[in-house]
Amino acid sequence: MVHLTSNMTGYKSGVATRFKKINPFMSSNHCVSHRLHLAGKDASDKVTYFQKYEKTLHNLYGYFSRSHNRQDILELIYLLFY
C-alpha cells in the first residue's frame, strides 16, 4: 500500500497510476490526515464565523510579519502574559 497526496494520485499520469501499470495489485489512498484537513476546510468555508475568523488571522499575520519592530512588541506581550 502506498500513501499519496492528491497531486500524486491523478488517474491519467499520477504517480499511483504509473505504479499500477507496473503492479496492478498495488493499492493507493490519500493520507488520512490530509483528507481530514480537506474535510474541515470544506466545512469551515461554509460557515460565516469561520470565514471571518480566518480572515482576521490572515490580517494579523500580515500585520506582524511585515515589521520586525511589531514582531518584537508581540514577543514582549507574549512574555508578559506567559
N, C-alpha and C. Protein backbone atom coordinates (compact mmCIF):
# COMPACT_ATOMS: atom_id res chain seq x y z
N MET A 1 0.85 -1.17 0.00
CA MET A 1 0.00 0.00 0.00
C MET A 1 0.90 1.24 0.00
N VAL A 2 0.54 2.21 -0.80
CA VAL A 2 1.29 3.45 -0.90
C VAL A 2 0.37 4.60 -0.50
N HIS A 3 0.82 5.46 0.40
CA HIS A 3 0.04 6.63 0.81
C HIS A 3 0.52 7.83 0.00
N LEU A 4 -0.40 8.49 -0.69
CA LEU A 4 -0.02 9.57 -1.59
C LEU A 4 -0.84 10.82 -1.33
N THR A 5 -0.29 11.96 -1.69
CA THR A 5 -1.05 13.20 -1.63
C THR A 5 -1.83 13.36 -2.92
N SER A 6 -2.76 14.32 -2.93
CA SER A 6 -3.68 14.45 -4.06
C SER A 6 -2.97 14.72 -5.38
N ASN A 7 -1.85 15.44 -5.37
CA ASN A 7 -1.18 15.74 -6.63
C ASN A 7 -0.46 14.53 -7.21
N MET A 8 -0.42 13.45 -6.48
CA MET A 8 0.26 12.25 -6.97
C MET A 8 -0.70 11.15 -7.40
N THR A 9 -2.01 11.38 -7.21
CA THR A 9 -2.96 10.31 -7.48
C THR A 9 -3.80 10.56 -8.73
N GLY A 10 -3.36 11.42 -9.61
CA GLY A 10 -4.11 11.69 -10.84
C GLY A 10 -4.35 10.41 -11.62
N TYR A 11 -5.55 10.25 -12.16
CA TYR A 11 -5.91 8.98 -12.81
C TYR A 11 -5.25 8.80 -14.17
N LYS A 12 -4.71 9.87 -14.76
CA LYS A 12 -4.06 9.74 -16.07
C LYS A 12 -2.54 9.61 -15.96
N SER A 13 -1.93 10.50 -15.19
CA SER A 13 -0.46 10.49 -15.16
C SER A 13 0.11 10.63 -13.75
N GLY A 14 -0.71 10.40 -12.74
CA GLY A 14 -0.21 10.49 -11.38
C GLY A 14 0.75 9.35 -11.06
N VAL A 15 1.50 9.53 -10.02
CA VAL A 15 2.48 8.52 -9.62
C VAL A 15 1.81 7.18 -9.33
N ALA A 16 0.65 7.22 -8.65
CA ALA A 16 -0.05 5.98 -8.34
C ALA A 16 -0.45 5.24 -9.62
N THR A 17 -0.91 5.98 -10.61
CA THR A 17 -1.30 5.36 -11.89
C THR A 17 -0.09 4.71 -12.55
N ARG A 18 1.03 5.37 -12.49
CA ARG A 18 2.26 4.80 -13.08
C ARG A 18 2.69 3.53 -12.34
N PHE A 19 2.59 3.56 -11.00
CA PHE A 19 2.93 2.36 -10.24
C PHE A 19 1.97 1.22 -10.55
N LYS A 20 0.69 1.54 -10.73
CA LYS A 20 -0.30 0.49 -11.00
C LYS A 20 -0.08 -0.15 -12.37
N LYS A 21 0.53 0.59 -13.29
CA LYS A 21 0.88 -0.02 -14.59
C LYS A 21 1.96 -1.07 -14.41
N ILE A 22 2.85 -0.83 -13.46
CA ILE A 22 3.91 -1.79 -13.17
C ILE A 22 3.38 -2.95 -12.32
N ASN A 23 2.55 -2.60 -11.33
CA ASN A 23 2.00 -3.61 -10.42
C ASN A 23 0.51 -3.35 -10.25
N PRO A 24 -0.34 -4.02 -11.02
CA PRO A 24 -1.78 -3.76 -10.95
C PRO A 24 -2.42 -4.14 -9.61
N PHE A 25 -1.71 -4.86 -8.76
CA PHE A 25 -2.25 -5.26 -7.46
C PHE A 25 -1.99 -4.23 -6.37
N MET A 26 -1.26 -3.19 -6.71
CA MET A 26 -0.95 -2.14 -5.75
C MET A 26 -2.22 -1.35 -5.43
N SER A 27 -2.37 -0.96 -4.17
CA SER A 27 -3.47 -0.07 -3.81
C SER A 27 -2.89 1.25 -3.31
N SER A 28 -3.60 2.29 -3.52
CA SER A 28 -3.15 3.60 -3.06
C SER A 28 -4.32 4.33 -2.42
N ASN A 29 -4.01 5.22 -1.49
CA ASN A 29 -5.06 6.02 -0.88
C ASN A 29 -4.47 7.33 -0.39
N HIS A 30 -5.35 8.30 -0.20
CA HIS A 30 -4.93 9.60 0.33
C HIS A 30 -4.55 9.45 1.79
N CYS A 31 -3.66 10.28 2.24
CA CYS A 31 -3.28 10.34 3.64
C CYS A 31 -4.52 10.72 4.46
N VAL A 32 -4.77 10.01 5.56
CA VAL A 32 -5.94 10.25 6.39
C VAL A 32 -5.90 11.68 6.96
N SER A 33 -4.74 12.12 7.38
CA SER A 33 -4.63 13.48 7.95
C SER A 33 -4.96 14.53 6.90
N HIS A 34 -4.49 14.32 5.68
CA HIS A 34 -4.76 15.26 4.59
C HIS A 34 -6.25 15.28 4.27
N ARG A 35 -6.88 14.13 4.23
CA ARG A 35 -8.32 14.07 3.97
C ARG A 35 -9.12 14.78 5.07
N LEU A 36 -8.71 14.58 6.32
CA LEU A 36 -9.39 15.24 7.43
C LEU A 36 -9.24 16.76 7.33
N HIS A 37 -8.04 17.21 6.99
CA HIS A 37 -7.81 18.65 6.81
C HIS A 37 -8.72 19.20 5.71
N LEU A 38 -8.79 18.52 4.58
CA LEU A 38 -9.62 18.97 3.47
C LEU A 38 -11.10 19.01 3.86
N ALA A 39 -11.55 18.01 4.60
CA ALA A 39 -12.95 17.97 5.03
C ALA A 39 -13.25 19.14 5.97
N GLY A 40 -12.35 19.38 6.91
CA GLY A 40 -12.54 20.50 7.83
C GLY A 40 -12.52 21.83 7.11
N LYS A 41 -11.62 21.97 6.15
CA LYS A 41 -11.54 23.22 5.37
C LYS A 41 -12.82 23.43 4.57
N ASP A 42 -13.31 22.39 3.92
CA ASP A 42 -14.55 22.50 3.15
C ASP A 42 -15.72 22.87 4.05
N ALA A 43 -15.79 22.28 5.24
CA ALA A 43 -16.88 22.58 6.16
C ALA A 43 -16.78 24.02 6.67
N SER A 44 -15.56 24.45 7.01
CA SER A 44 -15.41 25.81 7.55
C SER A 44 -15.66 26.88 6.50
N ASP A 45 -15.45 26.55 5.23
CA ASP A 45 -15.72 27.53 4.17
C ASP A 45 -17.20 27.88 4.08
N LYS A 46 -18.06 27.04 4.60
CA LYS A 46 -19.50 27.27 4.52
C LYS A 46 -20.06 27.98 5.76
N VAL A 47 -19.22 28.22 6.76
CA VAL A 47 -19.66 28.86 7.99
C VAL A 47 -19.08 30.27 8.05
N THR A 48 -19.96 31.26 8.08
CA THR A 48 -19.54 32.67 8.03
C THR A 48 -18.58 33.01 9.17
N TYR A 49 -18.86 32.50 10.37
CA TYR A 49 -18.00 32.80 11.52
C TYR A 49 -16.56 32.38 11.24
N PHE A 50 -16.37 31.18 10.70
CA PHE A 50 -15.02 30.69 10.43
C PHE A 50 -14.35 31.47 9.31
N GLN A 51 -15.13 31.94 8.34
CA GLN A 51 -14.56 32.76 7.27
C GLN A 51 -14.00 34.06 7.85
N LYS A 52 -14.77 34.69 8.74
CA LYS A 52 -14.32 35.93 9.38
C LYS A 52 -13.11 35.67 10.27
N TYR A 53 -13.15 34.57 11.00
CA TYR A 53 -12.04 34.19 11.89
C TYR A 53 -10.75 33.99 11.09
N GLU A 54 -10.86 33.26 9.99
CA GLU A 54 -9.68 33.01 9.16
C GLU A 54 -9.14 34.31 8.56
N LYS A 55 -10.04 35.17 8.12
CA LYS A 55 -9.61 36.45 7.55
C LYS A 55 -8.90 37.30 8.60
N THR A 56 -9.41 37.30 9.83
CA THR A 56 -8.78 38.04 10.91
C THR A 56 -7.38 37.51 11.20
N LEU A 57 -7.25 36.19 11.23
CA LEU A 57 -5.92 35.60 11.47
C LEU A 57 -4.94 35.95 10.36
N HIS A 58 -5.40 35.91 9.11
CA HIS A 58 -4.53 36.28 7.98
C HIS A 58 -4.11 37.75 8.08
N ASN A 59 -5.04 38.61 8.47
CA ASN A 59 -4.72 40.03 8.61
C ASN A 59 -3.71 40.26 9.73
N LEU A 60 -3.90 39.58 10.86
CA LEU A 60 -2.94 39.70 11.96
C LEU A 60 -1.56 39.21 11.55
N TYR A 61 -1.53 38.08 10.87
CA TYR A 61 -0.24 37.55 10.41
C TYR A 61 0.44 38.55 9.48
N GLY A 62 -0.32 39.08 8.53
CA GLY A 62 0.25 40.05 7.60
C GLY A 62 0.77 41.29 8.30
N TYR A 63 0.03 41.78 9.29
CA TYR A 63 0.43 42.97 10.03
C TYR A 63 1.76 42.75 10.74
N PHE A 64 1.89 41.64 11.44
CA PHE A 64 3.10 41.40 12.23
C PHE A 64 4.26 40.88 11.38
N SER A 65 3.98 40.20 10.30
CA SER A 65 5.07 39.61 9.52
C SER A 65 5.82 40.66 8.69
N ARG A 66 5.24 41.85 8.51
CA ARG A 66 5.89 42.86 7.68
C ARG A 66 6.75 43.83 8.48
N SER A 67 6.91 43.60 9.77
CA SER A 67 7.69 44.54 10.58
C SER A 67 8.38 43.81 11.73
N HIS A 68 9.70 43.95 11.78
CA HIS A 68 10.45 43.34 12.88
C HIS A 68 10.13 44.03 14.20
N ASN A 69 9.89 45.36 14.16
CA ASN A 69 9.53 46.07 15.39
C ASN A 69 8.22 45.54 15.96
N ARG A 70 7.24 45.31 15.11
CA ARG A 70 5.96 44.76 15.57
C ARG A 70 6.14 43.36 16.12
N GLN A 71 7.02 42.58 15.50
CA GLN A 71 7.28 41.22 15.99
C GLN A 71 7.92 41.27 17.37
N ASP A 72 8.82 42.22 17.57
CA ASP A 72 9.46 42.37 18.89
C ASP A 72 8.43 42.75 19.95
N ILE A 73 7.51 43.66 19.60
CA ILE A 73 6.47 44.06 20.54
C ILE A 73 5.54 42.88 20.85
N LEU A 74 5.20 42.13 19.82
CA LEU A 74 4.35 40.95 20.02
C LEU A 74 5.03 39.94 20.94
N GLU A 75 6.33 39.76 20.77
CA GLU A 75 7.07 38.84 21.64
C GLU A 75 7.08 39.34 23.08
N LEU A 76 7.23 40.65 23.26
CA LEU A 76 7.19 41.21 24.61
C LEU A 76 5.83 40.98 25.27
N ILE A 77 4.76 41.18 24.49
CA ILE A 77 3.42 40.93 25.03
C ILE A 77 3.28 39.47 25.41
N TYR A 78 3.78 38.58 24.57
CA TYR A 78 3.72 37.15 24.88
C TYR A 78 4.46 36.85 26.18
N LEU A 79 5.66 37.42 26.34
CA LEU A 79 6.45 37.15 27.54
C LEU A 79 5.79 37.71 28.80
N LEU A 80 5.07 38.83 28.66
CA LEU A 80 4.38 39.40 29.82
C LEU A 80 3.25 38.50 30.32
N PHE A 81 2.58 37.83 29.41
CA PHE A 81 1.41 37.04 29.79
C PHE A 81 1.72 35.56 29.98
N TYR A 82 2.87 35.11 29.55
CA TYR A 82 3.18 33.68 29.69
C TYR A 82 4.47 33.51 30.31
